[in-house]
């Protein structure tokens, strides 16, 4: 049986996974992001997975901060709040309140890689900072592209 907290994480992780495919509806955005990753010395596959993870962690941090939103309430979380969290919260703050275990081994691995980057500091910390700007940009693009005035996480998930 899945706990409410695990269900919330799964919704956040799903948001992270759909983020780049939705942004990449305009192919030039993918090329620009990949150019940035190469310029920063970040492997494209690793960087894009970290962007997904970063978005999931930012959404999860906001949901936990907002009096522990339930998975059902997650859909009402404003996309702009997640975008703000991606750059306003410290990397280690995004790791607070995560589930103890992950149903998806891929999520667990991605969070461990993020955690390693967070605590390594130096170049790894700089890379996370750069990735945070990519996450914020991607979420902002989706918010601006949305037909509703104040899009939510649920609006993004339904668009996928």
N, C-alpha and C. Protein backbone atom coordinates (compact mmCIF):
# COMPACT_ATOMS: atom_id res chain seq x y z
N UNK A 1 0.84 -1.17 0.00
CA UNK A 1 0.00 0.00 0.00
C UNK A 1 0.90 1.25 0.00
N UNK A 2 0.55 2.21 -0.80
CA UNK A 2 1.33 3.42 -0.95
C UNK A 2 0.85 4.48 0.03
N UNK A 3 1.79 5.08 0.76
CA UNK A 3 1.42 6.14 1.70
C UNK A 3 1.11 7.43 0.94
N UNK A 4 0.46 8.33 1.61
CA UNK A 4 0.13 9.63 1.02
C UNK A 4 1.40 10.37 0.62
N UNK A 5 2.43 10.27 1.45
CA UNK A 5 3.70 10.95 1.17
C UNK A 5 4.35 10.39 -0.10
N UNK A 6 4.31 9.07 -0.26
CA UNK A 6 4.86 8.46 -1.47
C UNK A 6 4.05 8.85 -2.70
N UNK A 7 2.74 8.94 -2.55
CA UNK A 7 1.88 9.36 -3.65
C UNK A 7 2.19 10.79 -4.04
N UNK A 8 2.41 11.66 -3.04
CA UNK A 8 2.78 13.04 -3.32
C UNK A 8 4.10 13.08 -4.09
N UNK A 9 5.11 12.33 -3.62
CA UNK A 9 6.38 12.31 -4.34
C UNK A 9 6.18 11.83 -5.78
N UNK A 10 5.36 10.81 -5.97
CA UNK A 10 5.13 10.29 -7.33
C UNK A 10 4.53 11.35 -8.24
N UNK A 11 3.63 12.19 -7.70
CA UNK A 11 3.05 13.29 -8.50
C UNK A 11 4.14 14.31 -8.85
N UNK A 12 5.00 14.62 -7.89
CA UNK A 12 6.09 15.56 -8.12
C UNK A 12 7.07 15.01 -9.16
N UNK A 13 7.39 13.73 -9.02
CA UNK A 13 8.32 13.10 -9.97
C UNK A 13 7.72 13.08 -11.37
N UNK A 14 6.41 12.86 -11.45
CA UNK A 14 5.75 12.87 -12.76
C UNK A 14 5.84 14.26 -13.39
N UNK A 15 5.65 15.29 -12.58
CA UNK A 15 5.80 16.67 -13.08
C UNK A 15 7.21 16.86 -13.65
N UNK A 16 8.22 16.40 -12.93
CA UNK A 16 9.59 16.51 -13.40
C UNK A 16 9.81 15.79 -14.73
N UNK A 17 9.22 14.61 -14.87
CA UNK A 17 9.41 13.82 -16.08
C UNK A 17 8.73 14.42 -17.30
N UNK A 18 7.60 15.11 -17.12
CA UNK A 18 6.90 15.69 -18.28
C UNK A 18 7.39 17.08 -18.63
N UNK A 19 8.15 17.69 -17.75
CA UNK A 19 8.58 19.08 -17.94
C UNK A 19 9.31 19.29 -19.26
N UNK A 20 10.40 18.59 -19.48
CA UNK A 20 11.19 18.83 -20.69
C UNK A 20 10.46 18.44 -21.97
N UNK A 21 9.75 17.31 -22.03
CA UNK A 21 8.99 17.03 -23.25
C UNK A 21 7.97 18.12 -23.59
N UNK A 22 7.34 18.70 -22.58
CA UNK A 22 6.38 19.77 -22.84
C UNK A 22 7.08 21.04 -23.33
N UNK A 23 8.20 21.38 -22.72
CA UNK A 23 8.95 22.57 -23.14
C UNK A 23 9.51 22.36 -24.54
N UNK A 24 9.90 21.14 -24.86
CA UNK A 24 10.54 20.84 -26.14
C UNK A 24 9.57 20.76 -27.30
N UNK A 25 8.33 21.16 -27.10
CA UNK A 25 7.39 21.23 -28.22
C UNK A 25 7.91 22.22 -29.25
N UNK A 26 8.73 23.14 -28.81
CA UNK A 26 9.45 24.03 -29.72
C UNK A 26 10.88 23.50 -29.76
N UNK A 27 11.26 22.80 -30.85
CA UNK A 27 12.55 22.09 -30.89
C UNK A 27 13.78 22.96 -30.59
N UNK A 28 13.71 24.22 -30.89
CA UNK A 28 14.87 25.08 -30.64
C UNK A 28 15.17 25.19 -29.15
N UNK A 29 14.18 24.97 -28.30
CA UNK A 29 14.41 25.05 -26.86
C UNK A 29 15.32 23.90 -26.40
N UNK A 30 15.09 22.72 -26.95
CA UNK A 30 15.93 21.58 -26.60
C UNK A 30 17.38 21.83 -27.05
N UNK A 31 17.55 22.33 -28.25
CA UNK A 31 18.90 22.61 -28.76
C UNK A 31 19.61 23.65 -27.88
N UNK A 32 18.88 24.68 -27.47
CA UNK A 32 19.47 25.73 -26.62
C UNK A 32 19.89 25.16 -25.27
N UNK A 33 19.00 24.34 -24.68
CA UNK A 33 19.31 23.74 -23.38
C UNK A 33 20.53 22.83 -23.48
N UNK A 34 20.58 22.03 -24.52
CA UNK A 34 21.70 21.11 -24.69
C UNK A 34 23.00 21.86 -24.95
N UNK A 35 22.92 22.98 -25.65
CA UNK A 35 24.11 23.82 -25.84
C UNK A 35 24.60 24.35 -24.49
N UNK A 36 23.66 24.80 -23.67
CA UNK A 36 24.03 25.27 -22.33
C UNK A 36 24.72 24.17 -21.54
N UNK A 37 24.14 22.98 -21.55
CA UNK A 37 24.71 21.87 -20.80
C UNK A 37 26.13 21.57 -21.26
N UNK A 38 26.33 21.52 -22.58
CA UNK A 38 27.68 21.26 -23.10
C UNK A 38 28.65 22.36 -22.71
N UNK A 39 28.21 23.60 -22.80
CA UNK A 39 29.06 24.74 -22.43
C UNK A 39 29.47 24.65 -20.96
N UNK A 40 28.57 24.18 -20.12
CA UNK A 40 28.83 24.08 -18.69
C UNK A 40 29.58 22.80 -18.32
N UNK A 41 29.86 21.94 -19.31
CA UNK A 41 30.58 20.70 -19.03
C UNK A 41 29.73 19.64 -18.37
N UNK A 42 28.42 19.68 -18.64
CA UNK A 42 27.50 18.71 -18.05
C UNK A 42 27.03 17.76 -19.16
N UNK A 43 27.18 16.47 -18.93
CA UNK A 43 26.69 15.48 -19.88
C UNK A 43 25.20 15.71 -20.09
N UNK A 44 24.76 15.66 -21.35
CA UNK A 44 23.37 15.98 -21.68
C UNK A 44 22.37 15.08 -20.95
N UNK A 45 22.60 13.77 -20.99
CA UNK A 45 21.66 12.85 -20.33
C UNK A 45 21.63 13.08 -18.83
N UNK A 46 22.79 13.26 -18.22
CA UNK A 46 22.86 13.50 -16.77
C UNK A 46 22.20 14.84 -16.45
N UNK A 47 22.50 15.86 -17.22
CA UNK A 47 21.93 17.19 -16.98
C UNK A 47 20.42 17.21 -17.10
N UNK A 48 19.90 16.56 -18.12
CA UNK A 48 18.45 16.55 -18.31
C UNK A 48 17.76 15.74 -17.21
N UNK A 49 18.39 14.68 -16.76
CA UNK A 49 17.81 13.90 -15.65
C UNK A 49 17.85 14.72 -14.36
N UNK A 50 18.94 15.47 -14.17
CA UNK A 50 19.01 16.33 -12.98
C UNK A 50 17.98 17.46 -13.05
N UNK A 51 17.70 17.96 -14.23
CA UNK A 51 16.66 18.99 -14.39
C UNK A 51 15.31 18.40 -13.98
N UNK A 52 15.01 17.20 -14.44
CA UNK A 52 13.76 16.53 -14.05
C UNK A 52 13.68 16.38 -12.54
N UNK A 53 14.79 15.92 -11.96
CA UNK A 53 14.84 15.68 -10.52
C UNK A 53 14.71 16.99 -9.76
N UNK A 54 15.39 18.02 -10.24
CA UNK A 54 15.34 19.34 -9.62
C UNK A 54 13.90 19.85 -9.59
N UNK A 55 13.19 19.71 -10.71
CA UNK A 55 11.79 20.15 -10.77
C UNK A 55 10.93 19.37 -9.78
N UNK A 56 11.15 18.07 -9.71
CA UNK A 56 10.38 17.23 -8.76
C UNK A 56 10.68 17.65 -7.32
N UNK A 57 11.96 17.88 -7.02
CA UNK A 57 12.34 18.28 -5.67
C UNK A 57 11.76 19.65 -5.31
N UNK A 58 11.78 20.58 -6.25
CA UNK A 58 11.23 21.92 -5.99
C UNK A 58 9.72 21.83 -5.72
N UNK A 59 9.03 21.06 -6.53
CA UNK A 59 7.58 20.88 -6.33
C UNK A 59 7.31 20.21 -4.99
N UNK A 60 8.09 19.21 -4.67
CA UNK A 60 7.91 18.49 -3.41
C UNK A 60 8.18 19.42 -2.22
N UNK A 61 9.23 20.22 -2.30
CA UNK A 61 9.56 21.14 -1.20
C UNK A 61 8.44 22.14 -0.96
N UNK A 62 7.86 22.66 -2.02
CA UNK A 62 6.75 23.61 -1.87
C UNK A 62 5.54 22.91 -1.28
N UNK A 63 5.26 21.71 -1.76
CA UNK A 63 4.10 20.96 -1.24
C UNK A 63 4.27 20.65 0.24
N UNK A 64 5.47 20.28 0.65
CA UNK A 64 5.72 19.98 2.06
C UNK A 64 5.68 21.26 2.89
N UNK A 65 6.22 22.34 2.37
CA UNK A 65 6.19 23.63 3.08
C UNK A 65 4.78 24.15 3.26
N UNK A 66 3.91 23.86 2.31
CA UNK A 66 2.53 24.36 2.34
C UNK A 66 1.67 23.44 3.20
N UNK A 67 2.10 23.24 4.43
CA UNK A 67 1.35 22.43 5.39
C UNK A 67 1.10 21.02 4.87
N UNK A 68 2.13 20.47 4.25
CA UNK A 68 2.07 19.09 3.75
C UNK A 68 0.82 18.84 2.91
N UNK A 69 0.82 19.40 1.73
CA UNK A 69 -0.28 19.17 0.81
C UNK A 69 -0.45 17.69 0.54
N UNK A 70 -1.65 17.28 0.32
CA UNK A 70 -1.89 15.90 -0.07
C UNK A 70 -1.63 15.79 -1.57
N UNK A 71 -1.55 14.57 -2.05
CA UNK A 71 -1.35 14.35 -3.48
C UNK A 71 -2.50 14.96 -4.28
N UNK A 72 -3.70 14.90 -3.74
CA UNK A 72 -4.86 15.48 -4.42
C UNK A 72 -4.76 17.01 -4.48
N UNK A 73 -4.25 17.62 -3.43
CA UNK A 73 -4.11 19.08 -3.40
C UNK A 73 -2.94 19.58 -4.23
N UNK A 74 -2.01 18.68 -4.56
CA UNK A 74 -0.84 19.03 -5.34
C UNK A 74 -1.21 19.68 -6.66
N UNK A 75 -2.29 19.20 -7.27
CA UNK A 75 -2.70 19.74 -8.57
C UNK A 75 -3.00 21.23 -8.52
N UNK A 76 -3.36 21.77 -7.35
CA UNK A 76 -3.67 23.19 -7.22
C UNK A 76 -2.44 24.06 -6.96
N UNK A 77 -1.28 23.43 -6.81
CA UNK A 77 -0.05 24.16 -6.52
C UNK A 77 0.33 25.03 -7.72
N UNK A 78 0.50 26.35 -7.51
CA UNK A 78 0.84 27.23 -8.64
C UNK A 78 2.21 26.89 -9.24
N UNK A 79 2.26 26.86 -10.54
CA UNK A 79 3.50 26.57 -11.25
C UNK A 79 4.58 27.61 -10.93
N UNK A 80 4.18 28.85 -10.78
CA UNK A 80 5.14 29.92 -10.44
C UNK A 80 5.80 29.67 -9.09
N UNK A 81 5.08 29.09 -8.15
CA UNK A 81 5.67 28.79 -6.84
C UNK A 81 6.76 27.75 -6.97
N UNK A 82 6.55 26.78 -7.83
CA UNK A 82 7.58 25.76 -8.06
C UNK A 82 8.78 26.38 -8.75
N UNK A 83 8.53 27.24 -9.73
CA UNK A 83 9.63 27.93 -10.42
C UNK A 83 10.43 28.77 -9.44
N UNK A 84 9.74 29.47 -8.56
CA UNK A 84 10.44 30.28 -7.55
C UNK A 84 11.28 29.41 -6.62
N UNK A 85 10.74 28.28 -6.23
CA UNK A 85 11.46 27.38 -5.32
C UNK A 85 12.73 26.84 -5.96
N UNK A 86 12.69 26.65 -7.26
CA UNK A 86 13.86 26.09 -7.95
C UNK A 86 15.09 26.97 -7.78
N UNK A 87 14.89 28.27 -7.69
CA UNK A 87 16.05 29.17 -7.54
C UNK A 87 16.14 29.81 -6.17
N UNK A 88 15.05 29.87 -5.43
CA UNK A 88 15.07 30.54 -4.13
C UNK A 88 15.51 29.63 -2.99
N UNK A 89 15.20 28.36 -3.10
CA UNK A 89 15.57 27.43 -2.03
C UNK A 89 16.99 26.92 -2.24
N UNK A 90 17.68 26.71 -1.15
CA UNK A 90 19.01 26.12 -1.20
C UNK A 90 18.88 24.66 -1.60
N UNK A 91 19.91 24.14 -2.25
CA UNK A 91 19.86 22.76 -2.73
C UNK A 91 19.50 21.78 -1.61
N UNK A 92 20.12 21.94 -0.46
CA UNK A 92 19.85 21.01 0.64
C UNK A 92 18.43 21.17 1.18
N UNK A 93 17.83 22.36 1.03
CA UNK A 93 16.45 22.55 1.47
C UNK A 93 15.49 21.72 0.61
N UNK A 94 15.86 21.50 -0.64
CA UNK A 94 15.01 20.72 -1.53
C UNK A 94 14.99 19.24 -1.14
N UNK A 95 15.99 18.82 -0.39
CA UNK A 95 16.08 17.41 0.01
C UNK A 95 15.29 17.10 1.28
N UNK A 96 14.84 18.12 1.98
CA UNK A 96 14.12 17.91 3.25
C UNK A 96 12.75 17.28 2.99
N UNK A 97 12.40 16.35 3.85
CA UNK A 97 11.06 15.76 3.82
C UNK A 97 10.81 14.75 2.73
N UNK A 98 11.86 14.25 2.09
CA UNK A 98 11.65 13.25 1.05
C UNK A 98 11.24 11.92 1.68
N UNK A 99 10.55 11.08 0.91
CA UNK A 99 10.21 9.77 1.44
C UNK A 99 11.48 8.97 1.75
N UNK A 100 11.39 8.05 2.68
CA UNK A 100 12.54 7.23 3.05
C UNK A 100 12.93 6.25 1.95
N UNK A 101 11.94 5.80 1.21
CA UNK A 101 12.19 4.88 0.10
C UNK A 101 11.42 5.38 -1.12
N UNK A 102 11.86 4.92 -2.27
CA UNK A 102 11.22 5.31 -3.52
C UNK A 102 10.75 4.06 -4.25
N UNK A 103 9.54 4.09 -4.74
CA UNK A 103 9.00 2.95 -5.49
C UNK A 103 9.75 2.78 -6.80
N UNK A 104 10.19 3.88 -7.39
CA UNK A 104 10.91 3.87 -8.66
C UNK A 104 12.40 4.01 -8.37
N UNK A 105 13.16 2.96 -8.69
CA UNK A 105 14.60 2.98 -8.46
C UNK A 105 15.30 4.10 -9.21
N UNK A 106 14.74 4.51 -10.34
CA UNK A 106 15.31 5.61 -11.13
C UNK A 106 15.22 6.92 -10.34
N UNK A 107 14.10 7.13 -9.66
CA UNK A 107 13.94 8.33 -8.82
C UNK A 107 14.95 8.30 -7.67
N UNK A 108 15.08 7.15 -7.04
CA UNK A 108 16.01 7.03 -5.92
C UNK A 108 17.44 7.33 -6.37
N UNK A 109 17.83 6.80 -7.51
CA UNK A 109 19.17 7.07 -8.03
C UNK A 109 19.35 8.55 -8.34
N UNK A 110 18.37 9.16 -8.98
CA UNK A 110 18.46 10.58 -9.35
C UNK A 110 18.57 11.46 -8.10
N UNK A 111 17.81 11.14 -7.06
CA UNK A 111 17.89 11.92 -5.82
C UNK A 111 19.26 11.74 -5.18
N UNK A 112 19.80 10.54 -5.23
CA UNK A 112 21.14 10.31 -4.68
C UNK A 112 22.20 11.11 -5.44
N UNK A 113 22.09 11.18 -6.76
CA UNK A 113 23.03 11.98 -7.56
C UNK A 113 22.88 13.45 -7.20
N UNK A 114 21.64 13.92 -7.08
CA UNK A 114 21.40 15.31 -6.68
C UNK A 114 22.03 15.57 -5.32
N UNK A 115 21.81 14.65 -4.39
CA UNK A 115 22.36 14.79 -3.04
C UNK A 115 23.90 14.88 -3.08
N UNK A 116 24.53 14.04 -3.88
CA UNK A 116 25.99 14.07 -4.02
C UNK A 116 26.46 15.42 -4.55
N UNK A 117 25.76 15.94 -5.56
CA UNK A 117 26.11 17.26 -6.11
C UNK A 117 25.94 18.35 -5.05
N UNK A 118 24.89 18.23 -4.25
CA UNK A 118 24.61 19.24 -3.22
C UNK A 118 25.73 19.31 -2.21
N UNK A 119 26.17 18.17 -1.74
CA UNK A 119 27.16 18.17 -0.67
C UNK A 119 28.60 18.18 -1.16
N UNK A 120 28.81 18.00 -2.45
CA UNK A 120 30.17 18.06 -2.99
C UNK A 120 30.67 19.50 -3.05
N UNK A 121 29.74 20.45 -3.27
CA UNK A 121 30.14 21.86 -3.37
C UNK A 121 30.98 22.09 -4.61
N UNK A 122 31.72 23.19 -4.62
CA UNK A 122 32.61 23.51 -5.73
C UNK A 122 31.91 23.49 -7.07
N UNK A 123 32.52 22.81 -8.03
CA UNK A 123 32.00 22.74 -9.39
C UNK A 123 30.61 22.10 -9.44
N UNK A 124 30.41 21.05 -8.63
CA UNK A 124 29.11 20.38 -8.61
C UNK A 124 28.02 21.34 -8.12
N UNK A 125 28.34 22.15 -7.13
CA UNK A 125 27.38 23.14 -6.65
C UNK A 125 27.06 24.19 -7.71
N UNK A 126 28.09 24.60 -8.44
CA UNK A 126 27.88 25.56 -9.54
C UNK A 126 26.99 24.95 -10.61
N UNK A 127 27.20 23.67 -10.90
CA UNK A 127 26.36 23.00 -11.89
C UNK A 127 24.90 22.96 -11.44
N UNK A 128 24.67 22.70 -10.15
CA UNK A 128 23.30 22.71 -9.65
C UNK A 128 22.67 24.09 -9.75
N UNK A 129 23.46 25.11 -9.47
CA UNK A 129 22.95 26.48 -9.61
C UNK A 129 22.53 26.73 -11.05
N UNK A 130 23.37 26.33 -11.99
CA UNK A 130 23.05 26.53 -13.41
C UNK A 130 21.81 25.73 -13.80
N UNK A 131 21.72 24.51 -13.31
CA UNK A 131 20.55 23.69 -13.61
C UNK A 131 19.28 24.29 -13.01
N UNK A 132 19.40 24.94 -11.85
CA UNK A 132 18.23 25.57 -11.24
C UNK A 132 17.66 26.66 -12.15
N UNK A 133 18.54 27.37 -12.84
CA UNK A 133 18.06 28.40 -13.76
C UNK A 133 17.35 27.78 -14.96
N UNK A 134 17.82 26.61 -15.39
CA UNK A 134 17.14 25.90 -16.48
C UNK A 134 15.76 25.42 -16.05
N UNK A 135 15.67 24.94 -14.82
CA UNK A 135 14.37 24.48 -14.29
C UNK A 135 13.41 25.66 -14.22
N UNK A 136 13.87 26.75 -13.65
CA UNK A 136 13.02 27.94 -13.54
C UNK A 136 12.57 28.40 -14.92
N UNK A 137 13.50 28.43 -15.86
CA UNK A 137 13.17 28.86 -17.21
C UNK A 137 12.11 27.94 -17.83
N UNK A 138 12.30 26.63 -17.70
CA UNK A 138 11.34 25.68 -18.27
C UNK A 138 9.95 25.85 -17.67
N UNK A 139 9.88 26.01 -16.35
CA UNK A 139 8.59 26.20 -15.69
C UNK A 139 7.95 27.52 -16.09
N UNK A 140 8.77 28.54 -16.25
CA UNK A 140 8.26 29.85 -16.67
C UNK A 140 7.71 29.78 -18.09
N UNK A 141 8.41 29.07 -18.97
CA UNK A 141 7.93 28.90 -20.35
C UNK A 141 6.56 28.23 -20.34
N UNK A 142 6.41 27.17 -19.55
CA UNK A 142 5.11 26.49 -19.49
C UNK A 142 4.03 27.40 -18.92
N UNK A 143 4.38 28.19 -17.92
CA UNK A 143 3.40 29.11 -17.33
C UNK A 143 2.96 30.16 -18.35
N UNK A 144 3.91 30.68 -19.10
CA UNK A 144 3.58 31.71 -20.09
C UNK A 144 2.81 31.14 -21.27
N UNK A 145 3.05 29.89 -21.57
CA UNK A 145 2.40 29.23 -22.71
C UNK A 145 0.98 28.78 -22.36
N UNK A 146 0.67 28.70 -21.10
CA UNK A 146 -0.61 28.18 -20.64
C UNK A 146 -1.77 29.09 -21.03
N UNK A 147 -2.90 28.50 -21.42
CA UNK A 147 -4.07 29.32 -21.75
C UNK A 147 -4.78 29.86 -20.51
N UNK A 148 -4.48 29.32 -19.34
CA UNK A 148 -5.09 29.83 -18.11
C UNK A 148 -4.15 30.86 -17.49
N UNK A 149 -4.68 31.87 -16.81
CA UNK A 149 -3.84 32.96 -16.31
C UNK A 149 -2.83 32.56 -15.23
N UNK A 150 -3.18 31.67 -14.33
CA UNK A 150 -2.28 31.26 -13.26
C UNK A 150 -2.21 29.73 -13.24
N UNK A 151 -1.41 29.16 -14.14
CA UNK A 151 -1.40 27.69 -14.26
C UNK A 151 -0.86 27.00 -13.01
N UNK A 152 -1.36 25.81 -12.81
CA UNK A 152 -0.99 25.00 -11.65
C UNK A 152 -0.24 23.75 -12.12
N UNK A 153 0.27 23.01 -11.16
CA UNK A 153 0.93 21.74 -11.49
C UNK A 153 -0.06 20.80 -12.18
N UNK A 154 -1.29 20.81 -11.72
CA UNK A 154 -2.32 19.98 -12.35
C UNK A 154 -2.55 20.34 -13.80
N UNK A 155 -2.50 21.63 -14.13
CA UNK A 155 -2.67 22.05 -15.52
C UNK A 155 -1.56 21.46 -16.39
N UNK A 156 -0.35 21.46 -15.88
CA UNK A 156 0.79 20.90 -16.63
C UNK A 156 0.62 19.39 -16.79
N UNK A 157 0.24 18.72 -15.72
CA UNK A 157 0.07 17.27 -15.81
C UNK A 157 -1.05 16.88 -16.75
N UNK A 158 -2.10 17.67 -16.77
CA UNK A 158 -3.21 17.39 -17.70
C UNK A 158 -2.82 17.68 -19.15
N UNK A 159 -1.89 18.61 -19.37
CA UNK A 159 -1.46 18.96 -20.72
C UNK A 159 -0.62 17.86 -21.35
N UNK A 160 -0.10 16.98 -20.51
CA UNK A 160 0.75 15.91 -21.04
C UNK A 160 -0.06 14.76 -21.56
